[in-house]
Amino acid sequence: QVQLVESGGGLVQPGGSLNLSCAASGSIDSAYFMGWYRQAPGKQRELVAVSSHAGVTTYADSVKDRFTISRDKAKNMRFLQMSSLKPEDAAVYSCYVGAGEIATPGGGYWGQGTQITVSS
């Protein structure tokens, strides 16, 4: 069993910055990737950023050059630094760890999710 504990998030003005973190504990598949997906009201869940067990990162085009995912491999943690936030970045951000297809996460584990609100 894997548990994910997320922290960070909240309310920020457009153009501001926020950080998220996610810590995984338990038995994790050796070929895992870990990171964040988000879902806004009325929209499908989408990839934000993940990094693999080998440190390969994948970003959604919409967040490239604004968001940075990093990791503490020893602690099974991921960090998401979000800058230049836009109103369209507002969503529930959920941490995920699993294996398989990054575009269609499934069979892995989800964190509790955290709300990001971008508003003036």
N, C-alpha and C. Protein backbone atom coordinates (compact mmCIF):
# COMPACT_ATOMS: atom_id res chain seq x y z
N GLN A 1 0.85 -1.19 0.00
CA GLN A 1 0.00 0.00 0.00
C GLN A 1 0.89 1.24 0.00
N VAL A 2 0.48 2.21 -0.78
CA VAL A 2 1.23 3.45 -0.89
C VAL A 2 0.36 4.59 -0.38
N GLN A 3 0.96 5.46 0.38
CA GLN A 3 0.26 6.66 0.83
C GLN A 3 0.97 7.89 0.31
N LEU A 4 0.19 8.86 -0.09
CA LEU A 4 0.72 10.13 -0.57
C LEU A 4 0.21 11.24 0.32
N VAL A 5 1.11 12.06 0.75
CA VAL A 5 0.75 13.21 1.59
C VAL A 5 1.16 14.47 0.86
N GLU A 6 0.19 15.31 0.59
CA GLU A 6 0.43 16.53 -0.16
C GLU A 6 0.41 17.73 0.78
N SER A 7 1.12 18.75 0.39
CA SER A 7 1.05 20.02 1.11
C SER A 7 1.25 21.15 0.13
N GLY A 8 0.83 22.32 0.55
CA GLY A 8 0.95 23.50 -0.28
C GLY A 8 -0.39 23.86 -0.90
N GLY A 9 -0.34 24.77 -1.83
CA GLY A 9 -1.56 25.21 -2.50
C GLY A 9 -2.20 26.39 -1.80
N GLY A 10 -3.36 26.76 -2.30
CA GLY A 10 -4.08 27.87 -1.72
C GLY A 10 -4.47 28.92 -2.74
N LEU A 11 -4.57 30.15 -2.27
CA LEU A 11 -5.01 31.27 -3.10
C LEU A 11 -3.82 32.14 -3.47
N VAL A 12 -3.76 32.53 -4.72
CA VAL A 12 -2.68 33.40 -5.18
C VAL A 12 -3.23 34.33 -6.24
N GLN A 13 -2.64 35.48 -6.34
CA GLN A 13 -3.04 36.43 -7.38
C GLN A 13 -2.42 36.05 -8.71
N PRO A 14 -3.04 36.42 -9.80
CA PRO A 14 -2.43 36.17 -11.11
C PRO A 14 -1.00 36.72 -11.16
N GLY A 15 -0.13 35.91 -11.71
CA GLY A 15 1.28 36.29 -11.76
C GLY A 15 2.07 35.85 -10.56
N GLY A 16 1.41 35.34 -9.55
CA GLY A 16 2.07 34.92 -8.33
C GLY A 16 2.64 33.52 -8.43
N SER A 17 3.16 33.06 -7.29
CA SER A 17 3.81 31.75 -7.22
C SER A 17 3.27 30.95 -6.06
N LEU A 18 3.31 29.65 -6.23
CA LEU A 18 2.95 28.71 -5.18
C LEU A 18 3.81 27.48 -5.32
N ASN A 19 3.96 26.77 -4.20
CA ASN A 19 4.69 25.51 -4.23
C ASN A 19 3.84 24.39 -3.67
N LEU A 20 4.00 23.23 -4.27
CA LEU A 20 3.36 22.01 -3.79
C LEU A 20 4.44 20.99 -3.47
N SER A 21 4.12 20.13 -2.53
CA SER A 21 5.01 19.00 -2.27
C SER A 21 4.17 17.76 -2.07
N CYS A 22 4.80 16.63 -2.31
CA CYS A 22 4.12 15.35 -2.18
C CYS A 22 5.13 14.32 -1.70
N ALA A 23 4.77 13.61 -0.66
CA ALA A 23 5.64 12.58 -0.10
C ALA A 23 4.94 11.24 -0.21
N ALA A 24 5.66 10.27 -0.74
CA ALA A 24 5.12 8.92 -0.89
C ALA A 24 5.76 7.99 0.11
N SER A 25 4.95 7.14 0.67
CA SER A 25 5.47 6.11 1.57
C SER A 25 4.84 4.79 1.19
N GLY A 26 5.57 3.71 1.48
CA GLY A 26 5.07 2.39 1.14
C GLY A 26 5.86 1.77 0.01
N SER A 27 5.32 0.71 -0.53
CA SER A 27 5.99 -0.04 -1.58
C SER A 27 5.62 0.52 -2.95
N ILE A 28 6.59 1.12 -3.61
CA ILE A 28 6.36 1.77 -4.90
C ILE A 28 6.98 0.95 -6.02
N ASP A 29 6.24 0.80 -7.08
CA ASP A 29 6.74 0.09 -8.25
C ASP A 29 8.06 0.70 -8.70
N SER A 30 9.01 -0.14 -9.04
CA SER A 30 10.34 0.35 -9.41
C SER A 30 10.33 1.20 -10.67
N ALA A 31 9.34 1.03 -11.51
CA ALA A 31 9.28 1.79 -12.77
C ALA A 31 8.27 2.93 -12.66
N TYR A 32 8.20 3.55 -11.52
CA TYR A 32 7.16 4.52 -11.28
C TYR A 32 7.48 5.89 -11.86
N PHE A 33 6.42 6.67 -11.98
CA PHE A 33 6.56 8.10 -12.16
C PHE A 33 5.66 8.77 -11.12
N MET A 34 5.98 9.98 -10.83
CA MET A 34 5.28 10.66 -9.73
C MET A 34 5.18 12.14 -10.03
N GLY A 35 4.06 12.69 -9.73
CA GLY A 35 3.90 14.11 -9.98
C GLY A 35 2.45 14.53 -9.80
N TRP A 36 2.06 15.54 -10.57
CA TRP A 36 0.74 16.13 -10.39
C TRP A 36 -0.10 16.14 -11.65
N TYR A 37 -1.37 15.94 -11.40
CA TYR A 37 -2.42 16.15 -12.37
C TYR A 37 -3.38 17.17 -11.77
N ARG A 38 -4.17 17.77 -12.62
CA ARG A 38 -5.14 18.75 -12.11
C ARG A 38 -6.47 18.60 -12.82
N GLN A 39 -7.49 19.03 -12.13
CA GLN A 39 -8.82 18.99 -12.71
C GLN A 39 -9.59 20.23 -12.27
N ALA A 40 -10.03 20.97 -13.25
CA ALA A 40 -10.85 22.15 -13.01
C ALA A 40 -12.31 21.76 -13.17
N PRO A 41 -13.21 22.51 -12.57
CA PRO A 41 -14.63 22.19 -12.67
C PRO A 41 -15.08 22.11 -14.13
N GLY A 42 -15.77 21.04 -14.45
CA GLY A 42 -16.29 20.87 -15.80
C GLY A 42 -15.27 20.44 -16.83
N LYS A 43 -14.04 20.19 -16.39
CA LYS A 43 -12.99 19.79 -17.33
C LYS A 43 -12.44 18.42 -16.95
N GLN A 44 -11.80 17.81 -17.90
CA GLN A 44 -11.17 16.53 -17.64
C GLN A 44 -9.87 16.74 -16.88
N ARG A 45 -9.50 15.71 -16.16
CA ARG A 45 -8.21 15.73 -15.48
C ARG A 45 -7.09 15.76 -16.52
N GLU A 46 -6.06 16.53 -16.22
CA GLU A 46 -4.96 16.65 -17.16
C GLU A 46 -3.63 16.61 -16.44
N LEU A 47 -2.64 16.21 -17.18
CA LEU A 47 -1.28 16.18 -16.66
C LEU A 47 -0.80 17.59 -16.39
N VAL A 48 -0.08 17.75 -15.28
CA VAL A 48 0.63 19.00 -15.03
C VAL A 48 2.12 18.75 -15.23
N ALA A 49 2.69 17.93 -14.37
CA ALA A 49 4.11 17.61 -14.46
C ALA A 49 4.38 16.36 -13.65
N VAL A 50 5.22 15.50 -14.20
CA VAL A 50 5.65 14.31 -13.48
C VAL A 50 7.12 14.10 -13.73
N SER A 51 7.73 13.33 -12.85
CA SER A 51 9.09 12.89 -13.11
C SER A 51 9.18 11.41 -12.81
N SER A 52 9.99 10.74 -13.58
CA SER A 52 10.11 9.30 -13.46
C SER A 52 11.09 8.93 -12.36
N HIS A 53 11.17 7.63 -12.10
CA HIS A 53 12.12 7.14 -11.12
C HIS A 53 13.55 7.47 -11.54
N ALA A 54 13.74 7.66 -12.84
CA ALA A 54 15.07 7.99 -13.35
C ALA A 54 15.29 9.49 -13.44
N GLY A 55 14.28 10.26 -13.08
CA GLY A 55 14.44 11.71 -13.10
C GLY A 55 14.03 12.38 -14.38
N VAL A 56 13.44 11.63 -15.30
CA VAL A 56 12.97 12.23 -16.55
C VAL A 56 11.67 12.99 -16.26
N THR A 57 11.61 14.22 -16.72
CA THR A 57 10.44 15.04 -16.44
C THR A 57 9.57 15.20 -17.67
N THR A 58 8.27 15.30 -17.41
CA THR A 58 7.29 15.53 -18.46
C THR A 58 6.36 16.64 -17.98
N TYR A 59 6.17 17.63 -18.82
CA TYR A 59 5.31 18.76 -18.49
C TYR A 59 4.20 18.90 -19.52
N ALA A 60 3.07 19.40 -19.05
CA ALA A 60 2.05 19.83 -19.98
C ALA A 60 2.56 21.08 -20.70
N ASP A 61 2.21 21.22 -21.96
CA ASP A 61 2.65 22.38 -22.72
C ASP A 61 2.22 23.68 -22.05
N SER A 62 1.07 23.65 -21.42
CA SER A 62 0.51 24.87 -20.84
C SER A 62 1.29 25.37 -19.63
N VAL A 63 2.14 24.53 -19.05
CA VAL A 63 2.86 24.95 -17.85
C VAL A 63 4.38 25.00 -18.07
N LYS A 64 4.83 24.56 -19.22
CA LYS A 64 6.27 24.61 -19.49
C LYS A 64 6.77 26.03 -19.33
N ASP A 65 7.95 26.17 -18.80
CA ASP A 65 8.61 27.45 -18.57
C ASP A 65 8.01 28.23 -17.41
N ARG A 66 6.95 27.70 -16.80
CA ARG A 66 6.38 28.36 -15.62
C ARG A 66 6.44 27.47 -14.39
N PHE A 67 6.31 26.17 -14.60
CA PHE A 67 6.31 25.23 -13.49
C PHE A 67 7.59 24.39 -13.55
N THR A 68 8.07 24.02 -12.38
CA THR A 68 9.24 23.16 -12.31
C THR A 68 9.00 22.06 -11.28
N ILE A 69 9.19 20.83 -11.72
CA ILE A 69 9.08 19.71 -10.80
C ILE A 69 10.48 19.25 -10.42
N SER A 70 10.66 18.99 -9.16
CA SER A 70 11.94 18.49 -8.68
C SER A 70 11.66 17.35 -7.70
N ARG A 71 12.71 16.72 -7.26
CA ARG A 71 12.49 15.55 -6.41
C ARG A 71 13.58 15.40 -5.36
N ASP A 72 13.19 14.72 -4.32
CA ASP A 72 14.14 14.19 -3.35
C ASP A 72 14.00 12.68 -3.46
N LYS A 73 14.89 12.08 -4.21
CA LYS A 73 14.75 10.67 -4.53
C LYS A 73 14.77 9.80 -3.28
N ALA A 74 15.66 10.13 -2.37
CA ALA A 74 15.82 9.32 -1.17
C ALA A 74 14.55 9.31 -0.31
N LYS A 75 13.82 10.40 -0.36
CA LYS A 75 12.63 10.53 0.47
C LYS A 75 11.35 10.28 -0.31
N ASN A 76 11.49 9.89 -1.58
CA ASN A 76 10.31 9.68 -2.42
C ASN A 76 9.39 10.90 -2.39
N MET A 77 9.98 12.04 -2.60
CA MET A 77 9.21 13.28 -2.60
C MET A 77 9.32 13.98 -3.95
N ARG A 78 8.28 14.71 -4.26
CA ARG A 78 8.29 15.58 -5.43
C ARG A 78 7.86 16.97 -4.98
N PHE A 79 8.40 17.95 -5.67
CA PHE A 79 8.09 19.34 -5.38
C PHE A 79 7.69 20.01 -6.69
N LEU A 80 6.67 20.84 -6.61
CA LEU A 80 6.24 21.56 -7.80
C LEU A 80 6.29 23.05 -7.49
N GLN A 81 7.18 23.73 -8.19
CA GLN A 81 7.26 25.18 -8.07
C GLN A 81 6.47 25.78 -9.22
N MET A 82 5.48 26.57 -8.88
CA MET A 82 4.59 27.16 -9.87
C MET A 82 4.77 28.68 -9.84
N SER A 83 5.05 29.24 -10.97
CA SER A 83 5.22 30.68 -11.05
C SER A 83 4.39 31.23 -12.21
N SER A 84 4.26 32.53 -12.24
CA SER A 84 3.47 33.20 -13.28
C SER A 84 2.11 32.54 -13.41
N LEU A 85 1.48 32.31 -12.30
CA LEU A 85 0.20 31.60 -12.31
C LEU A 85 -0.88 32.42 -12.99
N LYS A 86 -1.73 31.71 -13.70
CA LYS A 86 -2.81 32.31 -14.46
C LYS A 86 -4.15 31.82 -13.92
N PRO A 87 -5.19 32.56 -14.15
CA PRO A 87 -6.51 32.08 -13.69
C PRO A 87 -6.84 30.69 -14.22
N GLU A 88 -6.37 30.38 -15.43
CA GLU A 88 -6.67 29.05 -15.99
C GLU A 88 -5.88 27.93 -15.33
N ASP A 89 -4.94 28.27 -14.44
CA ASP A 89 -4.24 27.24 -13.67
C ASP A 89 -5.05 26.79 -12.45
N ALA A 90 -6.10 27.49 -12.15
CA ALA A 90 -6.91 27.13 -10.99
C ALA A 90 -7.55 25.77 -11.19
N ALA A 91 -7.40 24.92 -10.20
CA ALA A 91 -7.90 23.55 -10.26
C ALA A 91 -7.58 22.85 -8.96
N VAL A 92 -8.07 21.64 -8.84
CA VAL A 92 -7.60 20.76 -7.78
C VAL A 92 -6.39 20.00 -8.32
N TYR A 93 -5.30 20.14 -7.65
CA TYR A 93 -4.05 19.47 -8.05
C TYR A 93 -3.88 18.23 -7.18
N SER A 94 -3.69 17.11 -7.84
CA SER A 94 -3.57 15.85 -7.11
C SER A 94 -2.24 15.19 -7.45
N CYS A 95 -1.59 14.75 -6.42
CA CYS A 95 -0.34 14.02 -6.59
C CYS A 95 -0.67 12.57 -6.96
N TYR A 96 0.15 12.00 -7.82
CA TYR A 96 -0.06 10.63 -8.27
C TYR A 96 1.28 9.92 -8.34
N VAL A 97 1.27 8.67 -8.00
CA VAL A 97 2.43 7.82 -8.20
C VAL A 97 1.96 6.49 -8.78
N GLY A 98 2.62 6.06 -9.81
CA GLY A 98 2.26 4.81 -10.44
C GLY A 98 3.16 4.52 -11.60
N ALA A 99 2.82 3.47 -12.34
CA ALA A 99 3.58 3.09 -13.52
C ALA A 99 2.64 3.11 -14.71
N GLY A 100 3.17 2.86 -15.89
CA GLY A 100 2.32 2.81 -17.07
C GLY A 100 2.34 4.11 -17.86
N GLU A 101 1.19 4.46 -18.39
CA GLU A 101 1.09 5.62 -19.27
C GLU A 101 0.90 6.91 -18.50
N ILE A 102 1.77 7.86 -18.76
CA ILE A 102 1.67 9.14 -18.08
C ILE A 102 0.39 9.87 -18.45
N ALA A 103 0.01 9.79 -19.72
CA ALA A 103 -1.17 10.53 -20.19
C ALA A 103 -2.47 10.01 -19.59
N THR A 104 -2.47 8.74 -19.24
CA THR A 104 -3.70 8.14 -18.70
C THR A 104 -3.36 7.38 -17.43
N PRO A 105 -3.17 8.12 -16.35
CA PRO A 105 -2.78 7.47 -15.09
C PRO A 105 -3.88 6.55 -14.59
N GLY A 106 -3.45 5.42 -14.10
CA GLY A 106 -4.41 4.47 -13.56
C GLY A 106 -3.67 3.32 -12.92
N GLY A 107 -4.28 2.75 -11.94
CA GLY A 107 -3.65 1.64 -11.27
C GLY A 107 -2.64 2.04 -10.21
N GLY A 108 -2.44 3.34 -10.06
CA GLY A 108 -1.50 3.81 -9.06
C GLY A 108 -2.23 4.39 -7.86
N TYR A 109 -1.61 5.39 -7.29
CA TYR A 109 -2.16 5.95 -6.05
C TYR A 109 -2.25 7.48 -6.18
N TRP A 110 -3.32 7.98 -5.57
CA TRP A 110 -3.58 9.42 -5.61
C TRP A 110 -3.48 10.03 -4.21
N GLY A 111 -3.02 11.25 -4.18
CA GLY A 111 -3.07 12.02 -2.96
C GLY A 111 -4.45 12.60 -2.76
N GLN A 112 -4.60 13.35 -1.68
CA GLN A 112 -5.92 13.86 -1.34
C GLN A 112 -6.35 15.04 -2.18
N GLY A 113 -5.41 15.63 -2.89
CA GLY A 113 -5.72 16.79 -3.73
C GLY A 113 -5.68 18.08 -2.95
N THR A 114 -5.29 19.13 -3.63
CA THR A 114 -5.24 20.44 -3.00
C THR A 114 -5.75 21.48 -3.99
N GLN A 115 -6.51 22.42 -3.50
CA GLN A 115 -7.11 23.43 -4.36
C GLN A 115 -6.12 24.56 -4.61
N ILE A 116 -5.98 24.91 -5.86
CA ILE A 116 -5.22 26.09 -6.26
C ILE A 116 -6.21 27.08 -6.84
N THR A 117 -6.27 28.25 -6.26
CA THR A 117 -7.15 29.31 -6.75
C THR A 117 -6.29 30.49 -7.18
N VAL A 118 -6.51 30.94 -8.40
CA VAL A 118 -5.76 32.07 -8.92
C VAL A 118 -6.76 33.18 -9.21
N SER A 119 -6.73 34.18 -8.37
CA SER A 119 -7.72 35.23 -8.48
C SER A 119 -7.22 36.50 -7.83
N SER A 120 -7.63 37.62 -8.40
CA SER A 120 -7.27 38.90 -7.80
C SER A 120 -8.38 39.37 -6.86
